[in-house]
Amino acid sequence: QVQLVQSGGGLVQPGGSLRLSCAISGSNLDWHSIGWFRQAPGKERDGLSCISLNDGATNYVHFVRGRFTMTRSNDGRTIYLQMNNLKPEDSAVYYCATSISNWYCNKMDYWGHGTQVTVSE
C-alpha cells in the first residue's frame, strides 16, 4: 500500500502564493509517475502537472504553466507544488497522486486526501 499525506493550502488573496506538499510512504514505492490534480465544485477533475519517472520530465497543463512549479525532494518521497500569481479560478480541492502503472499520469493508482485552496479577496 501507498499513503499520500498532503499539507499546505488555505486562503490566499489574488496574486498571492501557496505551496502544497505531498509526503509519500508505504510498501510499494515503484511508481511510474506522480502528479497534481484539482477539482472545483461542479467541474471535472483537471490534471495540473506530472513528473514521469521514465524520463524525469515535468509537464504542466497550459493554464498553470509559468505560474505553478512541481518539484520533488531528493529522496523522491515528497512532492511539492509551488503556486504563484494565484487567481480566483484556481480555487479548488487539490490532490496529489501516484501511478504504478502509467508513465504519464493518465491512470493514477493512489491519491492524497485533498486540500482546499481558496483564492479570494
PDB file of N, CA and C in Angstrom:
ATOM      1  N   GLN A   1       0.832  -1.199   0.000  1.00  0.00           N
ATOM      2  CA  GLN A   1       0.000   0.000   0.000  1.00  0.00           C
ATOM      3  C   GLN A   1       0.862   1.243   0.000  1.00  0.00           C
ATOM      4  N   VAL A   2       0.292   2.307  -0.507  1.00  0.00           N
ATOM      5  CA  VAL A   2       0.969   3.601  -0.572  1.00  0.00           C
ATOM      6  C   VAL A   2       0.077   4.632   0.092  1.00  0.00           C
ATOM      7  N   GLN A   3       0.671   5.471   0.916  1.00  0.00           N
ATOM      8  CA  GLN A   3      -0.070   6.553   1.558  1.00  0.00           C
ATOM      9  C   GLN A   3       0.480   7.890   1.079  1.00  0.00           C
ATOM     10  N   LEU A   4      -0.416   8.798   0.773  1.00  0.00           N
ATOM     11  CA  LEU A   4      -0.049  10.151   0.365  1.00  0.00           C
ATOM     12  C   LEU A   4      -0.702  11.119   1.341  1.00  0.00           C
ATOM     13  N   VAL A   5       0.109  11.861   2.060  1.00  0.00           N
ATOM     14  CA  VAL A   5      -0.386  12.800   3.051  1.00  0.00           C
ATOM     15  C   VAL A   5      -0.076  14.213   2.591  1.00  0.00           C
ATOM     16  N   GLN A   6      -1.123  14.983   2.388  1.00  0.00           N
ATOM     17  CA  GLN A   6      -0.976  16.336   1.868  1.00  0.00           C
ATOM     18  C   GLN A   6      -0.960  17.364   2.981  1.00  0.00           C
ATOM     19  N   SER A   7      -0.294  18.464   2.713  1.00  0.00           N
ATOM     20  CA  SER A   7      -0.318  19.604   3.608  1.00  0.00           C
ATOM     21  C   SER A   7      -0.201  20.872   2.774  1.00  0.00           C
ATOM     22  N   GLY A   8      -0.487  21.984   3.418  1.00  0.00           N
ATOM     23  CA  GLY A   8      -0.496  23.256   2.706  1.00  0.00           C
ATOM     24  C   GLY A   8      -1.910  23.628   2.322  1.00  0.00           C
ATOM     25  N   GLY A   9      -2.038  24.567   1.442  1.00  0.00           N
ATOM     26  CA  GLY A   9      -3.354  25.027   1.054  1.00  0.00           C
ATOM     27  C   GLY A   9      -3.860  26.110   1.988  1.00  0.00           C
ATOM     28  N   GLY A  10      -5.102  26.504   1.772  1.00  0.00           N
ATOM     29  CA  GLY A  10      -5.698  27.541   2.600  1.00  0.00           C
ATOM     30  C   GLY A  10      -6.257  28.669   1.774  1.00  0.00           C
ATOM     31  N   LEU A  11      -6.384  29.831   2.419  1.00  0.00           N
ATOM     32  CA  LEU A  11      -6.966  31.016   1.790  1.00  0.00           C
ATOM     33  C   LEU A  11      -5.858  31.996   1.442  1.00  0.00           C
ATOM     34  N   VAL A  12      -5.902  32.516   0.239  1.00  0.00           N
ATOM     35  CA  VAL A  12      -4.901  33.479  -0.203  1.00  0.00           C
ATOM     36  C   VAL A  12      -5.581  34.503  -1.099  1.00  0.00           C
ATOM     37  N   GLN A  13      -5.040  35.717  -1.126  1.00  0.00           N
ATOM     38  CA  GLN A  13      -5.595  36.759  -1.986  1.00  0.00           C
ATOM     39  C   GLN A  13      -5.122  36.564  -3.425  1.00  0.00           C
ATOM     40  N   PRO A  14      -5.867  37.076  -4.372  1.00  0.00           N
ATOM     41  CA  PRO A  14      -5.410  37.003  -5.766  1.00  0.00           C
ATOM     42  C   PRO A  14      -4.016  37.616  -5.922  1.00  0.00           C
ATOM     43  N   GLY A  15      -3.198  36.936  -6.704  1.00  0.00           N
ATOM     44  CA  GLY A  15      -1.815  37.363  -6.869  1.00  0.00           C
ATOM     45  C   GLY A  15      -0.866  36.753  -5.862  1.00  0.00           C
ATOM     46  N   GLY A  16      -1.407  36.106  -4.857  1.00  0.00           N
ATOM     47  CA  GLY A  16      -0.578  35.520  -3.817  1.00  0.00           C
ATOM     48  C   GLY A  16      -0.026  34.156  -4.204  1.00  0.00           C
ATOM     49  N   SER A  17       0.676  33.551  -3.249  1.00  0.00           N
ATOM     50  CA  SER A  17       1.335  32.264  -3.479  1.00  0.00           C
ATOM     51  C   SER A  17       1.003  31.278  -2.363  1.00  0.00           C
ATOM     52  N   LEU A  18       1.041  30.019  -2.711  1.00  0.00           N
ATOM     53  CA  LEU A  18       0.908  28.934  -1.756  1.00  0.00           C
ATOM     54  C   LEU A  18       1.799  27.793  -2.208  1.00  0.00           C
ATOM     55  N   ARG A  19       2.184  26.952  -1.235  1.00  0.00           N
ATOM     56  CA  ARG A  19       2.923  25.745  -1.584  1.00  0.00           C
ATOM     57  C   ARG A  19       2.228  24.546  -0.963  1.00  0.00           C
ATOM     58  N   LEU A  20       1.960  23.570  -1.796  1.00  0.00           N
ATOM     59  CA  LEU A  20       1.383  22.312  -1.343  1.00  0.00           C
ATOM     60  C   LEU A  20       2.483  21.260  -1.253  1.00  0.00           C
ATOM     61  N   SER A  21       2.327  20.382  -0.266  1.00  0.00           N
ATOM     62  CA  SER A  21       3.269  19.274  -0.102  1.00  0.00           C
ATOM     63  C   SER A  21       2.509  17.962  -0.097  1.00  0.00           C
ATOM     64  N   CYS A  22       3.199  16.921  -0.477  1.00  0.00           N
ATOM     65  CA  CYS A  22       2.596  15.585  -0.514  1.00  0.00           C
ATOM     66  C   CYS A  22       3.679  14.586  -0.132  1.00  0.00           C
ATOM     67  N   ALA A  23       3.549  14.012   1.057  1.00  0.00           N
ATOM     68  CA  ALA A  23       4.523  13.040   1.550  1.00  0.00           C
ATOM     69  C   ALA A  23       4.043  11.642   1.207  1.00  0.00           C
ATOM     70  N   ILE A  24       4.910  10.890   0.568  1.00  0.00           N
ATOM     71  CA  ILE A  24       4.550   9.570   0.065  1.00  0.00           C
ATOM     72  C   ILE A  24       5.269   8.506   0.877  1.00  0.00           C
ATOM     73  N   SER A  25       4.532   7.525   1.350  1.00  0.00           N
ATOM     74  CA  SER A  25       5.124   6.435   2.111  1.00  0.00           C
ATOM     75  C   SER A  25       4.386   5.138   1.797  1.00  0.00           C
ATOM     76  N   GLY A  26       4.976   4.017   2.253  1.00  0.00           N
ATOM     77  CA  GLY A  26       4.321   2.752   2.036  1.00  0.00           C
ATOM     78  C   GLY A  26       5.257   1.696   1.499  1.00  0.00           C
ATOM     79  N   SER A  27       4.682   0.568   1.160  1.00  0.00           N
ATOM     80  CA  SER A  27       5.492  -0.584   0.765  1.00  0.00           C
ATOM     81  C   SER A  27       5.740  -0.648  -0.732  1.00  0.00           C
ATOM     82  N   ASN A  28       4.867  -0.035  -1.501  1.00  0.00           N
ATOM     83  CA  ASN A  28       5.019  -0.106  -2.954  1.00  0.00           C
ATOM     84  C   ASN A  28       5.361   1.280  -3.476  1.00  0.00           C
ATOM     85  N   LEU A  29       6.644   1.569  -3.552  1.00  0.00           N
ATOM     86  CA  LEU A  29       7.078   2.893  -3.970  1.00  0.00           C
ATOM     87  C   LEU A  29       7.647   2.883  -5.382  1.00  0.00           C
ATOM     88  N   ASP A  30       7.318   1.874  -6.158  1.00  0.00           N
ATOM     89  CA  ASP A  30       7.817   1.765  -7.516  1.00  0.00           C
ATOM     90  C   ASP A  30       6.868   2.467  -8.466  1.00  0.00           C
ATOM     91  N   TRP A  31       6.706   3.774  -8.208  1.00  0.00           N
ATOM     92  CA  TRP A  31       5.745   4.486  -9.054  1.00  0.00           C
ATOM     93  C   TRP A  31       6.362   4.886 -10.384  1.00  0.00           C
ATOM     94  N   HIS A  32       5.501   5.029 -11.359  1.00  0.00           N
ATOM     95  CA  HIS A  32       5.915   5.406 -12.700  1.00  0.00           C
ATOM     96  C   HIS A  32       5.753   6.902 -12.936  1.00  0.00           C
ATOM     97  N   SER A  33       4.766   7.496 -12.320  1.00  0.00           N
ATOM     98  CA  SER A  33       4.550   8.926 -12.487  1.00  0.00           C
ATOM     99  C   SER A  33       3.871   9.479 -11.246  1.00  0.00           C
ATOM    100  N   ILE A  34       4.060  10.749 -11.033  1.00  0.00           N
ATOM    101  CA  ILE A  34       3.493  11.449  -9.880  1.00  0.00           C
ATOM    102  C   ILE A  34       2.887  12.747 -10.393  1.00  0.00           C
ATOM    103  N   GLY A  35       1.715  13.081  -9.901  1.00  0.00           N
ATOM    104  CA  GLY A  35       1.080  14.277 -10.426  1.00  0.00           C
ATOM    105  C   GLY A  35       0.268  15.035  -9.415  1.00  0.00           C
ATOM    106  N   TRP A  36      -0.092  16.248  -9.799  1.00  0.00           N
ATOM    107  CA  TRP A  36      -1.017  17.089  -9.049  1.00  0.00           C
ATOM    108  C   TRP A  36      -2.276  17.300  -9.885  1.00  0.00           C
ATOM    109  N   PHE A  37      -3.403  17.278  -9.222  1.00  0.00           N
ATOM    110  CA  PHE A  37      -4.704  17.429  -9.845  1.00  0.00           C
ATOM    111  C   PHE A  37      -5.532  18.397  -9.008  1.00  0.00           C
ATOM    112  N   ARG A  38      -6.623  18.870  -9.572  1.00  0.00           N
ATOM    113  CA  ARG A  38      -7.548  19.683  -8.784  1.00  0.00           C
ATOM    114  C   ARG A  38      -8.960  19.487  -9.303  1.00  0.00           C
ATOM    115  N   GLN A  39      -9.903  19.759  -8.423  1.00  0.00           N
ATOM    116  CA  GLN A  39     -11.311  19.684  -8.795  1.00  0.00           C
ATOM    117  C   GLN A  39     -12.071  20.791  -8.100  1.00  0.00           C
ATOM    118  N   ALA A  40     -12.725  21.614  -8.887  1.00  0.00           N
ATOM    119  CA  ALA A  40     -13.578  22.672  -8.364  1.00  0.00           C
ATOM    120  C   ALA A  40     -15.014  22.168  -8.297  1.00  0.00           C
ATOM    121  N   PRO A  41     -15.841  22.757  -7.450  1.00  0.00           N
ATOM    122  CA  PRO A  41     -17.232  22.318  -7.328  1.00  0.00           C
ATOM    123  C   PRO A  41     -17.946  22.352  -8.663  1.00  0.00           C
ATOM    124  N   GLY A  42     -18.609  21.252  -8.995  1.00  0.00           N
ATOM    125  CA  GLY A  42     -19.376  21.195 -10.220  1.00  0.00           C
ATOM    126  C   GLY A  42     -18.567  21.012 -11.481  1.00  0.00           C
ATOM    127  N   LYS A  43     -17.258  20.837 -11.327  1.00  0.00           N
ATOM    128  CA  LYS A  43     -16.393  20.688 -12.502  1.00  0.00           C
ATOM    129  C   LYS A  43     -15.659  19.350 -12.464  1.00  0.00           C
ATOM    130  N   GLU A  44     -15.174  18.949 -13.601  1.00  0.00           N
ATOM    131  CA  GLU A  44     -14.389  17.726 -13.668  1.00  0.00           C
ATOM    132  C   GLU A  44     -12.991  17.963 -13.086  1.00  0.00           C
ATOM    133  N   ARG A  45     -12.365  16.884 -12.703  1.00  0.00           N
ATOM    134  CA  ARG A  45     -11.004  16.958 -12.187  1.00  0.00           C
ATOM    135  C   ARG A  45     -10.037  17.268 -13.319  1.00  0.00           C
ATOM    136  N   ASP A  46      -9.125  18.192 -13.059  1.00  0.00           N
ATOM    137  CA  ASP A  46      -8.102  18.564 -14.041  1.00  0.00           C
ATOM    138  C   ASP A  46      -6.744  18.062 -13.601  1.00  0.00           C
ATOM    139  N   GLY A  47      -5.981  17.563 -14.544  1.00  0.00           N
ATOM    140  CA  GLY A  47      -4.576  17.288 -14.286  1.00  0.00           C
ATOM    141  C   GLY A  47      -3.798  18.584 -14.423  1.00  0.00           C
ATOM    142  N   LEU A  48      -2.904  18.855 -13.481  1.00  0.00           N
ATOM    143  CA  LEU A  48      -2.145  20.104 -13.497  1.00  0.00           C
ATOM    144  C   LEU A  48      -0.699  19.898 -13.906  1.00  0.00           C
ATOM    145  N   SER A  49      -0.067  18.904 -13.329  1.00  0.00           N
ATOM    146  CA  SER A  49       1.348  18.695 -13.586  1.00  0.00           C
ATOM    147  C   SER A  49       1.678  17.236 -13.346  1.00  0.00           C
ATOM    148  N   CYS A  50       2.768  16.805 -13.973  1.00  0.00           N
ATOM    149  CA  CYS A  50       3.131  15.399 -13.885  1.00  0.00           C
ATOM    150  C   CYS A  50       4.633  15.238 -14.040  1.00  0.00           C
ATOM    151  N   ILE A  51       5.216  14.444 -13.170  1.00  0.00           N
ATOM    152  CA  ILE A  51       6.611  14.039 -13.321  1.00  0.00           C
ATOM    153  C   ILE A  51       6.614  12.584 -13.751  1.00  0.00           C
ATOM    154  N   SER A  52       7.235  12.323 -14.867  1.00  0.00           N
ATOM    155  CA  SER A  52       7.373  10.957 -15.344  1.00  0.00           C
ATOM    156  C   SER A  52       8.712  10.404 -14.868  1.00  0.00           C
ATOM    157  N   LEU A  53       8.676   9.254 -14.202  1.00  0.00           N
ATOM    158  CA  LEU A  53       9.907   8.617 -13.773  1.00  0.00           C
ATOM    159  C   LEU A  53      10.594   7.892 -14.924  1.00  0.00           C
ATOM    160  N   ASN A  54       9.975   7.923 -16.085  1.00  0.00           N
ATOM    161  CA  ASN A  54      10.582   7.309 -17.273  1.00  0.00           C
ATOM    162  C   ASN A  54      11.715   8.174 -17.798  1.00  0.00           C
ATOM    163  N   ASP A  55      11.440   9.473 -17.906  1.00  0.00           N
ATOM    164  CA  ASP A  55      12.468  10.354 -18.442  1.00  0.00           C
ATOM    165  C   ASP A  55      12.774  11.541 -17.538  1.00  0.00           C
ATOM    166  N   GLY A  56      12.084  11.603 -16.405  1.00  0.00           N
ATOM    167  CA  GLY A  56      12.321  12.686 -15.456  1.00  0.00           C
ATOM    168  C   GLY A  56      11.691  14.003 -15.843  1.00  0.00           C
ATOM    169  N   ALA A  57      10.955  14.023 -16.930  1.00  0.00           N
ATOM    170  CA  ALA A  57      10.375  15.272 -17.402  1.00  0.00           C
ATOM    171  C   ALA A  57       9.185  15.673 -16.543  1.00  0.00           C
ATOM    172  N   THR A  58       9.011  16.977 -16.408  1.00  0.00           N
ATOM    173  CA  THR A  58       7.855  17.544 -15.721  1.00  0.00           C
ATOM    174  C   THR A  58       7.025  18.287 -16.746  1.00  0.00           C
ATOM    175  N   ASN A  59       5.753  17.970 -16.796  1.00  0.00           N
ATOM    176  CA  ASN A  59       4.859  18.622 -17.743  1.00  0.00           C
ATOM    177  C   ASN A  59       3.723  19.315 -17.009  1.00  0.00           C
ATOM    178  N   TYR A  60       3.234  20.391 -17.601  1.00  0.00           N
ATOM    179  CA  TYR A  60       2.180  21.194 -16.996  1.00  0.00           C
ATOM    180  C   TYR A  60       1.048  21.411 -17.991  1.00  0.00           C
ATOM    181  N   VAL A  61      -0.142  21.497 -17.457  1.00  0.00           N
ATOM    182  CA  VAL A  61      -1.267  21.897 -18.290  1.00  0.00           C
ATOM    183  C   VAL A  61      -1.119  23.390 -18.597  1.00  0.00           C
ATOM    184  N   HIS A  62      -1.641  23.818 -19.727  1.00  0.00           N
ATOM    185  CA  HIS A  62      -1.324  25.162 -20.210  1.00  0.00           C
ATOM    186  C   HIS A  62      -1.749  26.274 -19.256  1.00  0.00           C
ATOM    187  N   PHE A  63      -2.846  26.068 -18.532  1.00  0.00           N
ATOM    188  CA  PHE A  63      -3.357  27.187 -17.743  1.00  0.00           C
ATOM    189  C   PHE A  63      -2.632  27.388 -16.418  1.00  0.00           C
ATOM    190  N   VAL A  64      -1.662  26.531 -16.094  1.00  0.00           N
ATOM    191  CA  VAL A  64      -0.837  26.777 -14.914  1.00  0.00           C
ATOM    192  C   VAL A  64       0.632  26.940 -15.280  1.00  0.00           C
ATOM    193  N   ARG A  65       0.976  26.649 -16.520  1.00  0.00           N
ATOM    194  CA  ARG A  65       2.378  26.733 -16.933  1.00  0.00           C
ATOM    195  C   ARG A  65       2.881  28.162 -16.727  1.00  0.00           C
ATOM    196  N   GLY A  66       4.039  28.270 -16.111  1.00  0.00           N
ATOM    197  CA  GLY A  66       4.604  29.575 -15.814  1.00  0.00           C
ATOM    198  C   GLY A  66       4.195  30.136 -14.471  1.00  0.00           C
ATOM    199  N   ARG A  67       3.164  29.596 -13.861  1.00  0.00           N
ATOM    200  CA  ARG A  67       2.725  30.040 -12.534  1.00  0.00           C
ATOM    201  C   ARG A  67       2.957  28.966 -11.473  1.00  0.00           C
ATOM    202  N   PHE A  68       2.780  27.708 -11.849  1.00  0.00           N
ATOM    203  CA  PHE A  68       2.935  26.598 -10.907  1.00  0.00           C
ATOM    204  C   PHE A  68       4.229  25.843 -11.226  1.00  0.00           C
ATOM    205  N   THR A  69       4.900  25.372 -10.172  1.00  0.00           N
ATOM    206  CA  THR A  69       6.111  24.592 -10.337  1.00  0.00           C
ATOM    207  C   THR A  69       6.035  23.359  -9.457  1.00  0.00           C
ATOM    208  N   MET A  70       6.240  22.215 -10.055  1.00  0.00           N
ATOM    209  CA  MET A  70       6.216  20.940  -9.329  1.00  0.00           C
ATOM    210  C   MET A  70       7.644  20.455  -9.146  1.00  0.00           C
ATOM    211  N   THR A  71       7.963  20.080  -7.920  1.00  0.00           N
ATOM    212  CA  THR A  71       9.302  19.576  -7.626  1.00  0.00           C
ATOM    213  C   THR A  71       9.207  18.345  -6.721  1.00  0.00           C
ATOM    214  N   ARG A  72      10.333  17.657  -6.603  1.00  0.00           N
ATOM    215  CA  ARG A  72      10.433  16.508  -5.710  1.00  0.00           C
ATOM    216  C   ARG A  72      11.598  16.694  -4.755  1.00  0.00           C
ATOM    217  N   SER A  73      11.469  16.113  -3.571  1.00  0.00           N
ATOM    218  CA  SER A  73      12.595  16.102  -2.650  1.00  0.00           C
ATOM    219  C   SER A  73      13.680  15.182  -3.203  1.00  0.00           C
ATOM    220  N   ASN A  74      14.873  15.285  -2.638  1.00  0.00           N
ATOM    221  CA  ASN A  74      15.990  14.479  -3.130  1.00  0.00           C
ATOM    222  C   ASN A  74      15.719  12.990  -3.010  1.00  0.00           C
ATOM    223  N   ASP A  75      15.032  12.590  -1.969  1.00  0.00           N
ATOM    224  CA  ASP A  75      14.746  11.163  -1.803  1.00  0.00           C
ATOM    225  C   ASP A  75      13.493  10.732  -2.558  1.00  0.00           C
ATOM    226  N   GLY A  76      12.853  11.684  -3.218  1.00  0.00           N
ATOM    227  CA  GLY A  76      11.679  11.350  -4.024  1.00  0.00           C
ATOM    228  C   GLY A  76      10.428  11.045  -3.234  1.00  0.00           C
ATOM    229  N   ARG A  77      10.498  11.203  -1.898  1.00  0.00           N
ATOM    230  CA  ARG A  77       9.365  10.805  -1.073  1.00  0.00           C
ATOM    231  C   ARG A  77       8.380  11.952  -0.832  1.00  0.00           C
ATOM    232  N   THR A  78       8.749  13.157  -1.196  1.00  0.00           N
ATOM    233  CA  THR A  78       7.856  14.292  -1.027  1.00  0.00           C
ATOM    234  C   THR A  78       7.813  15.082  -2.329  1.00  0.00           C
ATOM    235  N   ILE A  79       6.633  15.450  -2.738  1.00  0.00           N
ATOM    236  CA  ILE A  79       6.498  16.314  -3.908  1.00  0.00           C
ATOM    237  C   ILE A  79       5.841  17.615  -3.482  1.00  0.00           C
ATOM    238  N   TYR A  80       6.116  18.645  -4.219  1.00  0.00           N
ATOM    239  CA  TYR A  80       5.646  19.977  -3.894  1.00  0.00           C
ATOM    240  C   TYR A  80       4.989  20.591  -5.125  1.00  0.00           C
ATOM    241  N   LEU A  81       4.069  21.484  -4.847  1.00  0.00           N
ATOM    242  CA  LEU A  81       3.501  22.306  -5.907  1.00  0.00           C
ATOM    243  C   LEU A  81       3.548  23.753  -5.429  1.00  0.00           C
ATOM    244  N   GLN A  82       4.471  24.497  -5.987  1.00  0.00           N
ATOM    245  CA  GLN A  82       4.560  25.925  -5.701  1.00  0.00           C
ATOM    246  C   GLN A  82       3.628  26.657  -6.647  1.00  0.00           C
ATOM    247  N   MET A  83       2.704  27.411  -6.087  1.00  0.00           N
ATOM    248  CA  MET A  83       1.702  28.107  -6.892  1.00  0.00           C
ATOM    249  C   MET A  83       1.858  29.603  -6.685  1.00  0.00           C
ATOM    250  N   ASN A  84       2.152  30.303  -7.753  1.00  0.00           N
ATOM    251  CA  ASN A  84       2.341  31.749  -7.713  1.00  0.00           C
ATOM    252  C   ASN A  84       1.285  32.449  -8.551  1.00  0.00           C
ATOM    253  N   ASN A  85       1.117  33.725  -8.292  1.00  0.00           N
ATOM    254  CA  ASN A  85       0.155  34.528  -9.048  1.00  0.00           C
ATOM    255  C   ASN A  85      -1.208  33.838  -9.110  1.00  0.00           C
ATOM    256  N   LEU A  86      -1.690  33.446  -7.968  1.00  0.00           N
ATOM    257  CA  LEU A  86      -2.941  32.700  -7.911  1.00  0.00           C
ATOM    258  C   LEU A  86      -4.122  33.579  -8.299  1.00  0.00           C
ATOM    259  N   LYS A  87      -5.086  32.930  -8.942  1.00  0.00           N
ATOM    260  CA  LYS A  87      -6.276  33.605  -9.428  1.00  0.00           C
ATOM    261  C   LYS A  87      -7.511  32.982  -8.769  1.00  0.00           C
ATOM    262  N   PRO A  88      -8.602  33.707  -8.706  1.00  0.00           N
ATOM    263  CA  PRO A  88      -9.814  33.119  -8.118  1.00  0.00           C
ATOM    264  C   PRO A  88     -10.219  31.800  -8.787  1.00  0.00           C
ATOM    265  N   GLU A  89      -9.976  31.671 -10.066  1.00  0.00           N
ATOM    266  CA  GLU A  89     -10.347  30.436 -10.756  1.00  0.00           C
ATOM    267  C   GLU A  89      -9.445  29.259 -10.403  1.00  0.00           C
ATOM    268  N   ASP A  90      -8.398  29.509  -9.635  1.00  0.00           N
ATOM    269  CA  ASP A  90      -7.568  28.418  -9.129  1.00  0.00           C
ATOM    270  C   ASP A  90      -8.171  27.773  -7.874  1.00  0.00           C
ATOM    271  N   SER A  91      -9.225  28.352  -7.357  1.00  0.00           N
ATOM    272  CA  SER A  91      -9.862  27.793  -6.159  1.00  0.00           C
ATOM    273  C   SER A  91     -10.407  26.402  -6.459  1.00  0.00           C
ATOM    274  N   ALA A  92     -10.018  25.437  -5.647  1.00  0.00           N
ATOM    275  CA  ALA A  92     -10.415  24.048  -5.871  1.00  0.00           C
ATOM    276  C   ALA A  92      -9.839  23.193  -4.749  1.00  0.00           C
ATOM    277  N   VAL A  93     -10.217  21.927  -4.746  1.00  0.00           N
ATOM    278  CA  VAL A  93      -9.535  20.942  -3.914  1.00  0.00           C
ATOM    279  C   VAL A  93      -8.412  20.342  -4.746  1.00  0.00           C
ATOM    280  N   TYR A  94      -7.227  20.365  -4.174  1.00  0.00           N
ATOM    281  CA  TYR A  94      -6.040  19.895  -4.875  1.00  0.00           C
ATOM    282  C   TYR A  94      -5.632  18.523  -4.340  1.00  0.00           C
ATOM    283  N   TYR A  95      -5.230  17.649  -5.268  1.00  0.00           N
ATOM    284  CA  TYR A  95      -4.847  16.289  -4.930  1.00  0.00           C
ATOM    285  C   TYR A  95      -3.490  15.951  -5.525  1.00  0.00           C
ATOM    286  N   CYS A  96      -2.707  15.192  -4.786  1.00  0.00           N
ATOM    287  CA  CYS A  96      -1.532  14.557  -5.361  1.00  0.00           C
ATOM    288  C   CYS A  96      -1.873  13.091  -5.607  1.00  0.00           C
ATOM    289  N   ALA A  97      -1.163  12.482  -6.521  1.00  0.00           N
ATOM    290  CA  ALA A  97      -1.452  11.088  -6.860  1.00  0.00           C
ATOM    291  C   ALA A  97      -0.228  10.456  -7.492  1.00  0.00           C
ATOM    292  N   THR A  98      -0.137   9.156  -7.338  1.00  0.00           N
ATOM    293  CA  THR A  98       0.947   8.405  -7.963  1.00  0.00           C
ATOM    294  C   THR A  98       0.362   7.271  -8.807  1.00  0.00           C
ATOM    295  N   SER A  99       1.139   6.869  -9.783  1.00  0.00           N
ATOM    296  CA  SER A  99       0.751   5.745 -10.612  1.00  0.00           C
ATOM    297  C   SER A  99       1.873   4.720 -10.626  1.00  0.00           C
ATOM    298  N   ILE A 100       1.508   3.458 -10.435  1.00  0.00           N
ATOM    299  CA  ILE A 100       2.492   2.381 -10.544  1.00  0.00           C
ATOM    300  C   ILE A 100       2.349   1.658 -11.871  1.00  0.00           C
ATOM    301  N   SER A 101       1.511   2.205 -12.746  1.00  0.00           N
ATOM    302  CA  SER A 101       1.217   1.500 -13.995  1.00  0.00           C
ATOM    303  C   SER A 101       1.341   2.377 -15.238  1.00  0.00           C
ATOM    304  N   ASN A 102       1.414   3.697 -15.048  1.00  0.00           N
ATOM    305  CA  ASN A 102       1.391   4.579 -16.198  1.00  0.00           C
ATOM    306  C   ASN A 102       2.471   5.642 -16.069  1.00  0.00           C
ATOM    307  N   TRP A 103       3.202   5.866 -17.137  1.00  0.00           N
ATOM    308  CA  TRP A 103       4.340   6.793 -17.084  1.00  0.00           C
ATOM    309  C   TRP A 103       3.956   8.263 -17.150  1.00  0.00           C
ATOM    310  N   TYR A 104       2.705   8.569 -17.546  1.00  0.00           N
ATOM    311  CA  TYR A 104       2.386   9.965 -17.839  1.00  0.00           C
ATOM    312  C   TYR A 104       1.100  10.444 -17.188  1.00  0.00           C
ATOM    313  N   CYS A 105       0.832   9.928 -15.997  1.00  0.00           N
ATOM    314  CA  CYS A 105      -0.285  10.409 -15.167  1.00  0.00           C
ATOM    315  C   CYS A 105      -1.637  10.236 -15.843  1.00  0.00           C
ATOM    316  N   ASN A 106      -1.763   9.265 -16.710  1.00  0.00           N
ATOM    317  CA  ASN A 106      -3.053   9.033 -17.345  1.00  0.00           C
ATOM    318  C   ASN A 106      -3.955   8.126 -16.528  1.00  0.00           C
ATOM    319  N   LYS A 107      -3.359   7.368 -15.629  1.00  0.00           N
ATOM    320  CA  LYS A 107      -4.158   6.491 -14.772  1.00  0.00           C
ATOM    321  C   LYS A 107      -3.437   6.409 -13.439  1.00  0.00           C
ATOM    322  N   MET A 108      -4.035   7.019 -12.432  1.00  0.00           N
ATOM    323  CA  MET A 108      -3.395   7.098 -11.124  1.00  0.00           C
ATOM    324  C   MET A 108      -3.939   6.022 -10.198  1.00  0.00           C
ATOM    325  N   ASP A 109      -3.057   5.488  -9.384  1.00  0.00           N
ATOM    326  CA  ASP A 109      -3.422   4.365  -8.529  1.00  0.00           C
ATOM    327  C   ASP A 109      -3.627   4.753  -7.065  1.00  0.00           C
ATOM    328  N   TYR A 110      -2.920   5.768  -6.609  1.00  0.00           N
ATOM    329  CA  TYR A 110      -3.022   6.184  -5.209  1.00  0.00           C
ATOM    330  C   TYR A 110      -3.209   7.694  -5.157  1.00  0.00           C
ATOM    331  N   TRP A 111      -4.072   8.114  -4.240  1.00  0.00           N
ATOM    332  CA  TRP A 111      -4.443   9.521  -4.161  1.00  0.00           C
ATOM    333  C   TRP A 111      -4.271  10.054  -2.743  1.00  0.00           C
ATOM    334  N   GLY A 112      -3.893  11.323  -2.666  1.00  0.00           N
ATOM    335  CA  GLY A 112      -3.938  12.012  -1.396  1.00  0.00           C
ATOM    336  C   GLY A 112      -5.373  12.343  -1.033  1.00  0.00           C
ATOM    337  N   HIS A 113      -5.549  12.863   0.176  1.00  0.00           N
ATOM    338  CA  HIS A 113      -6.897  13.130   0.687  1.00  0.00           C
ATOM    339  C   HIS A 113      -7.475  14.427   0.171  1.00  0.00           C
ATOM    340  N   GLY A 114      -6.646  15.249  -0.447  1.00  0.00           N
ATOM    341  CA  GLY A 114      -7.118  16.525  -0.971  1.00  0.00           C
ATOM    342  C   GLY A 114      -6.943  17.656   0.027  1.00  0.00           C
ATOM    343  N   THR A 115      -6.671  18.825  -0.501  1.00  0.00           N
ATOM    344  CA  THR A 115      -6.544  20.007   0.344  1.00  0.00           C
ATOM    345  C   THR A 115      -7.183  21.192  -0.374  1.00  0.00           C
ATOM    346  N   GLN A 116      -7.896  22.004   0.375  1.00  0.00           N
ATOM    347  CA  GLN A 116      -8.637  23.111  -0.217  1.00  0.00           C
ATOM    348  C   GLN A 116      -7.723  24.307  -0.443  1.00  0.00           C
ATOM    349  N   VAL A 117      -7.821  24.885  -1.613  1.00  0.00           N
ATOM    350  CA  VAL A 117      -7.173  26.156  -1.932  1.00  0.00           C
ATOM    351  C   VAL A 117      -8.269  27.130  -2.338  1.00  0.00           C
ATOM    352  N   THR A 118      -8.306  28.252  -1.656  1.00  0.00           N
ATOM    353  CA  THR A 118      -9.300  29.278  -1.957  1.00  0.00           C
ATOM    354  C   THR A 118      -8.579  30.578  -2.232  1.00  0.00           C
ATOM    355  N   VAL A 119      -8.862  31.158  -3.393  1.00  0.00           N
ATOM    356  CA  VAL A 119      -8.243  32.428  -3.790  1.00  0.00           C
ATOM    357  C   VAL A 119      -9.346  33.477  -3.816  1.00  0.00           C
ATOM    358  N   SER A 120      -9.269  34.407  -2.889  1.00  0.00           N
ATOM    359  CA  SER A 120     -10.346  35.378  -2.748  1.00  0.00           C
ATOM    360  C   SER A 120      -9.829  36.594  -2.006  1.00  0.00           C
ATOM    361  N   GLU A 121     -10.499  37.740  -2.249  1.00  0.00           N
ATOM    362  CA  GLU A 121     -10.141  38.973  -1.535  1.00  0.00           C
ATOM    363  C   GLU A 121     -10.498  38.835  -0.063  1.00  0.00           C
TER     364      GLU A 121
END
